[in-house]
Amino acid sequence: MAFIKTIAKDEAQNLLNDLYQTERKTNGYVPNYAKAISLHPEVYDAWKKFIGAIRSNMRPRRYELVTFATAMALKCTY
């Protein structure tokens, strides 16, 4: 398991605080992917656009199957 430095919700400022608040409103909590990107919150928008571009060319079922197959190949249990 990888351990990375993250910025806690109560320490978030500016762009990161906005990101955390948006995720809290959308999901009801701050997901791990938002925490993982906390040191560089400016990357989040680019990541969302990247994922959106990939998903726009696939049906939802195919996207989920590819994601699952990739996780299995990488032995990711998350």
PDB file of N, CA and C in Angstrom:
ATOM      1  N   MET A   1       0.835  -1.172   0.000  1.00  0.00           N
ATOM      2  CA  MET A   1       0.000   0.000   0.000  1.00  0.00           C
ATOM      3  C   MET A   1       0.884   1.242   0.000  1.00  0.00           C
ATOM      4  N   ALA A   2       0.512   2.212  -0.811  1.00  0.00           N
ATOM      5  CA  ALA A   2       1.276   3.456  -0.902  1.00  0.00           C
ATOM      6  C   ALA A   2       0.811   4.428   0.176  1.00  0.00           C
ATOM      7  N   PHE A   3       1.728   5.177   0.679  1.00  0.00           N
ATOM      8  CA  PHE A   3       1.400   6.212   1.649  1.00  0.00           C
ATOM      9  C   PHE A   3       1.856   7.528   1.063  1.00  0.00           C
ATOM     10  N   ILE A   4       0.955   8.467   0.987  1.00  0.00           N
ATOM     11  CA  ILE A   4       1.290   9.773   0.439  1.00  0.00           C
ATOM     12  C   ILE A   4       0.879  10.861   1.414  1.00  0.00           C
ATOM     13  N   LYS A   5       1.555  11.972   1.334  1.00  0.00           N
ATOM     14  CA  LYS A   5       1.218  13.125   2.172  1.00  0.00           C
ATOM     15  C   LYS A   5      -0.024  13.784   1.577  1.00  0.00           C
ATOM     16  N   THR A   6      -0.969  14.110   2.422  1.00  0.00           N
ATOM     17  CA  THR A   6      -2.174  14.809   1.991  1.00  0.00           C
ATOM     18  C   THR A   6      -2.429  15.987   2.920  1.00  0.00           C
ATOM     19  N   ILE A   7      -3.301  16.868   2.489  1.00  0.00           N
ATOM     20  CA  ILE A   7      -3.689  18.008   3.308  1.00  0.00           C
ATOM     21  C   ILE A   7      -5.066  17.706   3.892  1.00  0.00           C
ATOM     22  N   ALA A   8      -5.170  17.788   5.194  1.00  0.00           N
ATOM     23  CA  ALA A   8      -6.423  17.481   5.888  1.00  0.00           C
ATOM     24  C   ALA A   8      -7.504  18.503   5.538  1.00  0.00           C
ATOM     25  N   LYS A   9      -8.762  18.070   5.682  1.00  0.00           N
ATOM     26  CA  LYS A   9      -9.895  18.944   5.362  1.00  0.00           C
ATOM     27  C   LYS A   9      -9.862  20.248   6.144  1.00  0.00           C
ATOM     28  N   ASP A  10      -9.501  20.179   7.413  1.00  0.00           N
ATOM     29  CA  ASP A  10      -9.500  21.385   8.247  1.00  0.00           C
ATOM     30  C   ASP A  10      -8.310  22.308   7.969  1.00  0.00           C
ATOM     31  N   GLU A  11      -7.342  21.846   7.182  1.00  0.00           N
ATOM     32  CA  GLU A  11      -6.181  22.663   6.819  1.00  0.00           C
ATOM     33  C   GLU A  11      -6.259  23.184   5.381  1.00  0.00           C
ATOM     34  N   ALA A  12      -7.283  22.772   4.639  1.00  0.00           N
ATOM     35  CA  ALA A  12      -7.408  23.143   3.226  1.00  0.00           C
ATOM     36  C   ALA A  12      -7.701  24.632   3.083  1.00  0.00           C
ATOM     37  N   GLN A  13      -7.051  25.240   2.099  1.00  0.00           N
ATOM     38  CA  GLN A  13      -7.253  26.653   1.814  1.00  0.00           C
ATOM     39  C   GLN A  13      -7.466  26.858   0.326  1.00  0.00           C
ATOM     40  N   ASN A  14      -8.080  27.976  -0.030  1.00  0.00           N
ATOM     41  CA  ASN A  14      -8.241  28.428  -1.406  1.00  0.00           C
ATOM     42  C   ASN A  14      -8.817  27.351  -2.321  1.00  0.00           C
ATOM     43  N   LEU A  15      -8.086  27.019  -3.388  1.00  0.00           N
ATOM     44  CA  LEU A  15      -8.562  26.075  -4.401  1.00  0.00           C
ATOM     45  C   LEU A  15      -8.844  24.692  -3.805  1.00  0.00           C
ATOM     46  N   LEU A  16      -7.992  24.244  -2.905  1.00  0.00           N
ATOM     47  CA  LEU A  16      -8.204  22.935  -2.288  1.00  0.00           C
ATOM     48  C   LEU A  16      -9.455  22.941  -1.417  1.00  0.00           C
ATOM     49  N   ASN A  17      -9.677  24.009  -0.689  1.00  0.00           N
ATOM     50  CA  ASN A  17     -10.883  24.128   0.125  1.00  0.00           C
ATOM     51  C   ASN A  17     -12.122  24.071  -0.764  1.00  0.00           C
ATOM     52  N   ASP A  18     -12.081  24.755  -1.902  1.00  0.00           N
ATOM     53  CA  ASP A  18     -13.193  24.715  -2.857  1.00  0.00           C
ATOM     54  C   ASP A  18     -13.423  23.295  -3.365  1.00  0.00           C
ATOM     55  N   LEU A  19     -12.332  22.603  -3.695  1.00  0.00           N
ATOM     56  CA  LEU A  19     -12.418  21.227  -4.169  1.00  0.00           C
ATOM     57  C   LEU A  19     -13.057  20.335  -3.111  1.00  0.00           C
ATOM     58  N   TYR A  20     -12.577  20.417  -1.896  1.00  0.00           N
ATOM     59  CA  TYR A  20     -13.123  19.598  -0.810  1.00  0.00           C
ATOM     60  C   TYR A  20     -14.605  19.898  -0.593  1.00  0.00           C
ATOM     61  N   GLN A  21     -14.985  21.173  -0.612  1.00  0.00           N
ATOM     62  CA  GLN A  21     -16.390  21.536  -0.402  1.00  0.00           C
ATOM     63  C   GLN A  21     -17.273  21.003  -1.527  1.00  0.00           C
ATOM     64  N   THR A  22     -16.793  21.090  -2.765  1.00  0.00           N
ATOM     65  CA  THR A  22     -17.547  20.571  -3.902  1.00  0.00           C
ATOM     66  C   THR A  22     -17.746  19.074  -3.771  1.00  0.00           C
ATOM     67  N   GLU A  23     -16.687  18.359  -3.418  1.00  0.00           N
ATOM     68  CA  GLU A  23     -16.789  16.906  -3.257  1.00  0.00           C
ATOM     69  C   GLU A  23     -17.727  16.548  -2.113  1.00  0.00           C
ATOM     70  N   ARG A  24     -17.670  17.309  -1.029  1.00  0.00           N
ATOM     71  CA  ARG A  24     -18.565  17.061   0.102  1.00  0.00           C
ATOM     72  C   ARG A  24     -20.024  17.250  -0.309  1.00  0.00           C
ATOM     73  N   LYS A  25     -20.297  18.294  -1.091  1.00  0.00           N
ATOM     74  CA  LYS A  25     -21.666  18.551  -1.552  1.00  0.00           C
ATOM     75  C   LYS A  25     -22.127  17.457  -2.515  1.00  0.00           C
ATOM     76  N   THR A  26     -21.237  17.033  -3.406  1.00  0.00           N
ATOM     77  CA  THR A  26     -21.578  16.041  -4.419  1.00  0.00           C
ATOM     78  C   THR A  26     -21.712  14.639  -3.840  1.00  0.00           C
ATOM     79  N   ASN A  27     -20.747  14.239  -3.010  1.00  0.00           N
ATOM     80  CA  ASN A  27     -20.674  12.857  -2.526  1.00  0.00           C
ATOM     81  C   ASN A  27     -21.092  12.674  -1.066  1.00  0.00           C
ATOM     82  N   GLY A  28     -21.155  13.755  -0.333  1.00  0.00           N
ATOM     83  CA  GLY A  28     -21.458  13.645   1.090  1.00  0.00           C
ATOM     84  C   GLY A  28     -20.213  13.441   1.940  1.00  0.00           C
ATOM     85  N   TYR A  29     -19.067  13.342   1.310  1.00  0.00           N
ATOM     86  CA  TYR A  29     -17.775  13.162   1.979  1.00  0.00           C
ATOM     87  C   TYR A  29     -16.679  13.556   0.997  1.00  0.00           C
ATOM     88  N   VAL A  30     -15.445  13.616   1.462  1.00  0.00           N
ATOM     89  CA  VAL A  30     -14.315  13.911   0.586  1.00  0.00           C
ATOM     90  C   VAL A  30     -13.668  12.578   0.206  1.00  0.00           C
ATOM     91  N   PRO A  31     -13.789  12.173  -1.078  1.00  0.00           N
ATOM     92  CA  PRO A  31     -13.228  10.889  -1.509  1.00  0.00           C
ATOM     93  C   PRO A  31     -11.701  10.865  -1.457  1.00  0.00           C
ATOM     94  N   ASN A  32     -11.157   9.672  -1.420  1.00  0.00           N
ATOM     95  CA  ASN A  32      -9.702   9.514  -1.364  1.00  0.00           C
ATOM     96  C   ASN A  32      -8.994  10.126  -2.563  1.00  0.00           C
ATOM     97  N   TYR A  33      -9.610  10.072  -3.758  1.00  0.00           N
ATOM     98  CA  TYR A  33      -8.933  10.657  -4.919  1.00  0.00           C
ATOM     99  C   TYR A  33      -8.761  12.161  -4.760  1.00  0.00           C
ATOM    100  N   ALA A  34      -9.699  12.826  -4.099  1.00  0.00           N
ATOM    101  CA  ALA A  34      -9.565  14.266  -3.857  1.00  0.00           C
ATOM    102  C   ALA A  34      -8.454  14.525  -2.842  1.00  0.00           C
ATOM    103  N   LYS A  35      -8.373  13.682  -1.837  1.00  0.00           N
ATOM    104  CA  LYS A  35      -7.307  13.825  -0.848  1.00  0.00           C
ATOM    105  C   LYS A  35      -5.939  13.554  -1.481  1.00  0.00           C
ATOM    106  N   ALA A  36      -5.885  12.558  -2.379  1.00  0.00           N
ATOM    107  CA  ALA A  36      -4.617  12.200  -3.006  1.00  0.00           C
ATOM    108  C   ALA A  36      -4.067  13.330  -3.866  1.00  0.00           C
ATOM    109  N   ILE A  37      -4.938  14.155  -4.391  1.00  0.00           N
ATOM    110  CA  ILE A  37      -4.508  15.239  -5.263  1.00  0.00           C
ATOM    111  C   ILE A  37      -4.347  16.551  -4.487  1.00  0.00           C
ATOM    112  N   SER A  38      -4.482  16.480  -3.171  1.00  0.00           N
ATOM    113  CA  SER A  38      -4.515  17.686  -2.337  1.00  0.00           C
ATOM    114  C   SER A  38      -3.270  18.562  -2.403  1.00  0.00           C
ATOM    115  N   LEU A  39      -2.112  18.004  -2.695  1.00  0.00           N
ATOM    116  CA  LEU A  39      -0.900  18.819  -2.783  1.00  0.00           C
ATOM    117  C   LEU A  39      -0.853  19.637  -4.071  1.00  0.00           C
ATOM    118  N   HIS A  40      -1.631  19.212  -5.072  1.00  0.00           N
ATOM    119  CA  HIS A  40      -1.674  19.916  -6.356  1.00  0.00           C
ATOM    120  C   HIS A  40      -3.116  19.997  -6.850  1.00  0.00           C
ATOM    121  N   PRO A  41      -3.965  20.758  -6.166  1.00  0.00           N
ATOM    122  CA  PRO A  41      -5.383  20.789  -6.536  1.00  0.00           C
ATOM    123  C   PRO A  41      -5.635  21.353  -7.930  1.00  0.00           C
ATOM    124  N   GLU A  42      -4.683  22.096  -8.488  1.00  0.00           N
ATOM    125  CA  GLU A  42      -4.853  22.630  -9.836  1.00  0.00           C
ATOM    126  C   GLU A  42      -4.900  21.522 -10.885  1.00  0.00           C
ATOM    127  N   VAL A  43      -4.420  20.343 -10.542  1.00  0.00           N
ATOM    128  CA  VAL A  43      -4.417  19.206 -11.460  1.00  0.00           C
ATOM    129  C   VAL A  43      -5.807  18.573 -11.561  1.00  0.00           C
ATOM    130  N   TYR A  44      -6.647  18.795 -10.567  1.00  0.00           N
ATOM    131  CA  TYR A  44      -7.951  18.149 -10.496  1.00  0.00           C
ATOM    132  C   TYR A  44      -8.809  18.435 -11.721  1.00  0.00           C
ATOM    133  N   ASP A  45      -8.855  19.683 -12.162  1.00  0.00           N
ATOM    134  CA  ASP A  45      -9.666  20.045 -13.322  1.00  0.00           C
ATOM    135  C   ASP A  45      -9.188  19.308 -14.570  1.00  0.00           C
ATOM    136  N   ALA A  46      -7.883  19.237 -14.758  1.00  0.00           N
ATOM    137  CA  ALA A  46      -7.326  18.514 -15.907  1.00  0.00           C
ATOM    138  C   ALA A  46      -7.676  17.025 -15.809  1.00  0.00           C
ATOM    139  N   TRP A  47      -7.618  16.462 -14.613  1.00  0.00           N
ATOM    140  CA  TRP A  47      -7.952  15.053 -14.417  1.00  0.00           C
ATOM    141  C   TRP A  47      -9.417  14.790 -14.766  1.00  0.00           C
ATOM    142  N   LYS A  48     -10.317  15.682 -14.316  1.00  0.00           N
ATOM    143  CA  LYS A  48     -11.741  15.529 -14.622  1.00  0.00           C
ATOM    144  C   LYS A  48     -11.980  15.587 -16.132  1.00  0.00           C
ATOM    145  N   LYS A  49     -11.294  16.501 -16.822  1.00  0.00           N
ATOM    146  CA  LYS A  49     -11.441  16.606 -18.273  1.00  0.00           C
ATOM    147  C   LYS A  49     -10.907  15.356 -18.963  1.00  0.00           C
ATOM    148  N   PHE A  50      -9.792  14.831 -18.477  1.00  0.00           N
ATOM    149  CA  PHE A  50      -9.195  13.623 -19.035  1.00  0.00           C
ATOM    150  C   PHE A  50     -10.151  12.437 -18.903  1.00  0.00           C
ATOM    151  N   ILE A  51     -10.674  12.217 -17.708  1.00  0.00           N
ATOM    152  CA  ILE A  51     -11.606  11.111 -17.471  1.00  0.00           C
ATOM    153  C   ILE A  51     -12.873  11.314 -18.298  1.00  0.00           C
ATOM    154  N   GLY A  52     -13.341  12.554 -18.367  1.00  0.00           N
ATOM    155  CA  GLY A  52     -14.532  12.851 -19.165  1.00  0.00           C
ATOM    156  C   GLY A  52     -14.327  12.536 -20.633  1.00  0.00           C
ATOM    157  N   ALA A  53     -13.143  12.848 -21.161  1.00  0.00           N
ATOM    158  CA  ALA A  53     -12.844  12.562 -22.564  1.00  0.00           C
ATOM    159  C   ALA A  53     -12.822  11.061 -22.816  1.00  0.00           C
ATOM    160  N   ILE A  54     -12.272  10.304 -21.891  1.00  0.00           N
ATOM    161  CA  ILE A  54     -12.239   8.848 -22.036  1.00  0.00           C
ATOM    162  C   ILE A  54     -13.653   8.283 -21.980  1.00  0.00           C
ATOM    163  N   ARG A  55     -14.415   8.719 -20.990  1.00  0.00           N
ATOM    164  CA  ARG A  55     -15.768   8.188 -20.810  1.00  0.00           C
ATOM    165  C   ARG A  55     -16.704   8.567 -21.948  1.00  0.00           C
ATOM    166  N   SER A  56     -16.468   9.718 -22.563  1.00  0.00           N
ATOM    167  CA  SER A  56     -17.373  10.176 -23.621  1.00  0.00           C
ATOM    168  C   SER A  56     -17.320   9.269 -24.846  1.00  0.00           C
ATOM    169  N   ASN A  57     -16.267   8.497 -24.984  1.00  0.00           N
ATOM    170  CA  ASN A  57     -16.122   7.601 -26.125  1.00  0.00           C
ATOM    171  C   ASN A  57     -16.462   6.152 -25.797  1.00  0.00           C
ATOM    172  N   MET A  58     -17.026   5.917 -24.625  1.00  0.00           N
ATOM    173  CA  MET A  58     -17.377   4.549 -24.215  1.00  0.00           C
ATOM    174  C   MET A  58     -18.752   4.537 -23.571  1.00  0.00           C
ATOM    175  N   ARG A  59     -19.400   3.419 -23.716  1.00  0.00           N
ATOM    176  CA  ARG A  59     -20.633   3.238 -22.957  1.00  0.00           C
ATOM    177  C   ARG A  59     -20.250   2.992 -21.499  1.00  0.00           C
ATOM    178  N   PRO A  60     -21.118   3.366 -20.562  1.00  0.00           N
ATOM    179  CA  PRO A  60     -20.779   3.218 -19.132  1.00  0.00           C
ATOM    180  C   PRO A  60     -20.346   1.808 -18.744  1.00  0.00           C
ATOM    181  N   ARG A  61     -21.015   0.790 -19.281  1.00  0.00           N
ATOM    182  CA  ARG A  61     -20.663  -0.586 -18.920  1.00  0.00           C
ATOM    183  C   ARG A  61     -19.240  -0.917 -19.357  1.00  0.00           C
ATOM    184  N   ARG A  62     -18.868  -0.514 -20.566  1.00  0.00           N
ATOM    185  CA  ARG A  62     -17.525  -0.791 -21.046  1.00  0.00           C
ATOM    186  C   ARG A  62     -16.491  -0.074 -20.185  1.00  0.00           C
ATOM    187  N   TYR A  63     -16.758   1.172 -19.835  1.00  0.00           N
ATOM    188  CA  TYR A  63     -15.835   1.928 -18.988  1.00  0.00           C
ATOM    189  C   TYR A  63     -15.613   1.202 -17.659  1.00  0.00           C
ATOM    190  N   GLU A  64     -16.690   0.749 -17.044  1.00  0.00           N
ATOM    191  CA  GLU A  64     -16.581   0.042 -15.766  1.00  0.00           C
ATOM    192  C   GLU A  64     -15.829  -1.277 -15.926  1.00  0.00           C
ATOM    193  N   LEU A  65     -16.080  -1.997 -17.003  1.00  0.00           N
ATOM    194  CA  LEU A  65     -15.366  -3.265 -17.228  1.00  0.00           C
ATOM    195  C   LEU A  65     -13.880  -3.037 -17.453  1.00  0.00           C
ATOM    196  N   VAL A  66     -13.535  -2.014 -18.217  1.00  0.00           N
ATOM    197  CA  VAL A  66     -12.122  -1.704 -18.445  1.00  0.00           C
ATOM    198  C   VAL A  66     -11.462  -1.295 -17.130  1.00  0.00           C
ATOM    199  N   THR A  67     -12.149  -0.488 -16.348  1.00  0.00           N
ATOM    200  CA  THR A  67     -11.620  -0.060 -15.054  1.00  0.00           C
ATOM    201  C   THR A  67     -11.393  -1.264 -14.142  1.00  0.00           C
ATOM    202  N   PHE A  68     -12.367  -2.170 -14.103  1.00  0.00           N
ATOM    203  CA  PHE A  68     -12.261  -3.368 -13.271  1.00  0.00           C
ATOM    204  C   PHE A  68     -11.123  -4.271 -13.743  1.00  0.00           C
ATOM    205  N   ALA A  69     -11.039  -4.487 -15.063  1.00  0.00           N
ATOM    206  CA  ALA A  69      -9.976  -5.344 -15.609  1.00  0.00           C
ATOM    207  C   ALA A  69      -8.594  -4.753 -15.327  1.00  0.00           C
ATOM    208  N   THR A  70      -8.478  -3.451 -15.433  1.00  0.00           N
ATOM    209  CA  THR A  70      -7.206  -2.789 -15.147  1.00  0.00           C
ATOM    210  C   THR A  70      -6.821  -2.965 -13.678  1.00  0.00           C
ATOM    211  N   ALA A  71      -7.781  -2.777 -12.794  1.00  0.00           N
ATOM    212  CA  ALA A  71      -7.520  -2.953 -11.357  1.00  0.00           C
ATOM    213  C   ALA A  71      -7.073  -4.383 -11.058  1.00  0.00           C
ATOM    214  N   MET A  72      -7.717  -5.338 -11.707  1.00  0.00           N
ATOM    215  CA  MET A  72      -7.324  -6.733 -11.488  1.00  0.00           C
ATOM    216  C   MET A  72      -5.909  -6.993 -12.001  1.00  0.00           C
ATOM    217  N   ALA A  73      -5.593  -6.462 -13.181  1.00  0.00           N
ATOM    218  CA  ALA A  73      -4.258  -6.667 -13.752  1.00  0.00           C
ATOM    219  C   ALA A  73      -3.177  -6.043 -12.875  1.00  0.00           C
ATOM    220  N   LEU A  74      -3.520  -4.928 -12.232  1.00  0.00           N
ATOM    221  CA  LEU A  74      -2.558  -4.248 -11.350  1.00  0.00           C
ATOM    222  C   LEU A  74      -2.583  -4.782  -9.921  1.00  0.00           C
ATOM    223  N   LYS A  75      -3.461  -5.772  -9.685  1.00  0.00           N
ATOM    224  CA  LYS A  75      -3.644  -6.358  -8.358  1.00  0.00           C
ATOM    225  C   LYS A  75      -4.041  -5.298  -7.335  1.00  0.00           C
ATOM    226  N   CYS A  76      -4.875  -4.381  -7.781  1.00  0.00           N
ATOM    227  CA  CYS A  76      -5.373  -3.312  -6.907  1.00  0.00           C
ATOM    228  C   CYS A  76      -6.616  -3.801  -6.176  1.00  0.00           C
ATOM    229  N   THR A  77      -6.586  -3.777  -4.875  1.00  0.00           N
ATOM    230  CA  THR A  77      -7.732  -4.224  -4.083  1.00  0.00           C
ATOM    231  C   THR A  77      -8.611  -3.074  -3.648  1.00  0.00           C
ATOM    232  N   TYR A  78      -8.224  -1.869  -4.001  1.00  0.00           N
ATOM    233  CA  TYR A  78      -8.993  -0.697  -3.568  1.00  0.00           C
ATOM    234  C   TYR A  78     -10.343  -0.690  -4.227  1.00  0.00           C
TER     235      TYR A  78
END
